[in-house]
Amino acid sequence: MDKLQCILHVPLSYPHQGRPTLKVVNPDMERAFQANVERGFNDIVDSTLRSGGRGSLLIWMNTLDRHLERLLTTTERGPTLKFVPNIGSKQVLEHQEPKQEPLPRAEVSATERKVIPKTPSVTKPVRRLYTAEEKAQAERRRAAETKQIEARLGRLPLFQKSRDELFFIVPVQPPKADRLPAPLRPIKTVKLLVPHLYPLEPSSIELQGVTSPEAKSVEIGFSQWVKENSQLNLTSQINYLSSNMHNFAMTTFEEVQDTTQTLPSQSVDLPEVISPSGEAEPVVETDKPHIRVIPRPPEWSVGNDGDDSESTDFTTSEDDYTDEDEDDEEGGAPVPDMPAPTTERGVALSFPYLELYGIEILELVGLYITIKCDRCKEHMDVKNIPQAKDQGDALDPKIETCKKCTNTMSLGFRRQLMHANSTRAGYLDLDGCTVVDLLPSSFIPTCAECSTTFPGPGVVAVRGESAMASCRQCHRKMVFKIPEVKFLIVGSAAFTLRDRVPKRKQPRETLGIVAGQELPRRGRCTHYGKSYRWFRFSCCAKVFPCDKCHDAATDHPNEHANRMICGFCSREQIYRPDNCGICRAVLVGKAGSGFWEGGKGTRNRALMSRKDPRKYKRIGGSKVGSSSKKK
């Protein structure tokens, strides 16, 4: 073959809707190779439209020229079509149209008029055909949206997808679960069906693990809503479904009926047959031939309106039941008293939009917060806030002291269980302070699969990040996330130090000192003989000559003293390391070292060490031998 003879058909609607086609007319070429070349040209056009590129007739013909050798050397078979006659099962036909055998007149008691409807002909809806450009745009949008939903939900433990990406198992957690019908409340996952021609064909859902009319209502309501809002992507559809599932559950639907009009039924007079043996024959459903329904025996349908003489020889336990039995037994098994709910007072700590995956119950066991002093507004981090555990809701608060103004602050926490329908962690009882922020705290989750509690100290979590743990029993992954923390004042504090009886003022400390006079022994003690001052310790605000005197008189460890009393003038002042800030007296005496030390050491030559050169130097202004001449 020297050249390829072909005809290029370009429709008038090109390039907006139509697409060009090619027809090979070489007389010496077999039809299989001609069809192969035509399919190759169609594939080139489809690939260009699918990728969103701009193609022209010249570019497509040049591309066909480059691949012509491959198309002429290999032949591809077209799709095989198999035609199967649409004939129903013979067994079903025989069952639907049983032969009527003549019955003896003795067994016929009455006749009834029964209606046998004719099976209507069902017409399948005509499927719409889409152009290659519409399919290409739909394929690009489908790929982008499926990639987006996989990127956002792929890390969740219950998320799954099929290999052909025709359906996705998406975990859902309705925020308004209390409004859902009872059969829909245990739902955890939804099967999202995405057809190949999405969004030309709408998506649909199937509720997993729930079989009830309410589930069918949700599926139908979602399908109706998707048809009206086809511009939304898959992620928006899932979010809307999770938020409005209670509205979809109220969708009213009718049983699926044929759209075609049924033919008028024929009336046939059939005699009612009474079995001579009196036994009821099992009824077989036409649409489910393998299921046989056995009717109730006639003696079960006998009412209690018979003669008074007919009575049974036994009585049920309900007949002998009296009020005395109720008073004696009180209902049978004892029911334990349920603990009273936590009183709503203090500052409520809640986690809006809390996400729980694979977790049945979540507890906050180790609370770490940042508080602010009500007096000086100084911030302070508090760890291991005590929690209420007894039934009386009594709480032993934790007492903290502000480091800046020594204000007394008390803190306590009454925790609650968190689950899918409750995001409140508990209540904070604060006095003298306000809560500012939540620090990384410890949580204990309970597995939703086997109800096993995670061992202590729990899992540390912080706001804005996901925390993950594995169940020690069934090894299921448990994930929870705290997107936001909310503090809300719901009542007065559970306890307050200001409501208590004020303590008696302790008598003022009398030191027996007078300003301007010396302290006893100039402030020296038996431990430090060179210290001429007293110290006021910050731990107890009491005055002692030294730390050893403080430890001997008190039962708590000493802290750094930030004030002192001068031993020469008896005036209290801020701590100074060397001298008094008022009388300038040196308060720290050093032991004699025997050296000059720049004038601060030993200045007496008699006490000075022989190793110091100043011991033997003459005094300035004197002459050599002057002392000997005077003699």
Foldseek 3Di string as FASTA:
>chain_A
DPDWDKDKDDDPPPPPFDDIFIFTDDPVDDPQLRVLLRVVLVVLVLVCLLVVHDDDPVRSVVVSVVCVVVSNVDGDDDDDDDDDDPDDDPVLVCVLDPDDDDDDPVQFDFWDKDWRFDDDDFDDDDDDDGGSNLQSVQQVQVVVLLVVVCVVQVPAQQWDADPVRQKIWGFAFALPLVLAPPQPNVFTTKIKGDDSSPPVPPIFIQTPPGDDLLRVQLRVLLVVVCVVVVVDGPVVSRVVCSHCSSVSSPRDDDDDDGPDDGDDIDMDMDTDGQDPVRADDWDADSVHRVDTHHDDRPVVVDDPPDDPVDDDPDDDPVVVDDVVVCVVQVPPDDDDDDQDDDDPAAKWKFFPPKDKHQFAKKAFQWWKFWKAFPPPRDIDIDTRFEEQDDSVSDWDWDWDADPPPRDIKTKYWYADIDGSNGGIGTHMFIERIGTDGTDFGFMWTAGPPPRHIDDPPHWTDDAPDKTWDADPPPRRIIIIHRPDIDIGGDHHGPDYPVPDDDDDDDDDDDPPDDFQAFDVLQLDDPVDNFARKWFQFPVVRDIDSDLVRVVVVDPDHTDDTQWMAGRGGRDIDGDDDFADPPPRHGRGDDDAPQECVVVNHDPDLVSHDPVHVVSPDDDPPDDPCPVVVVD
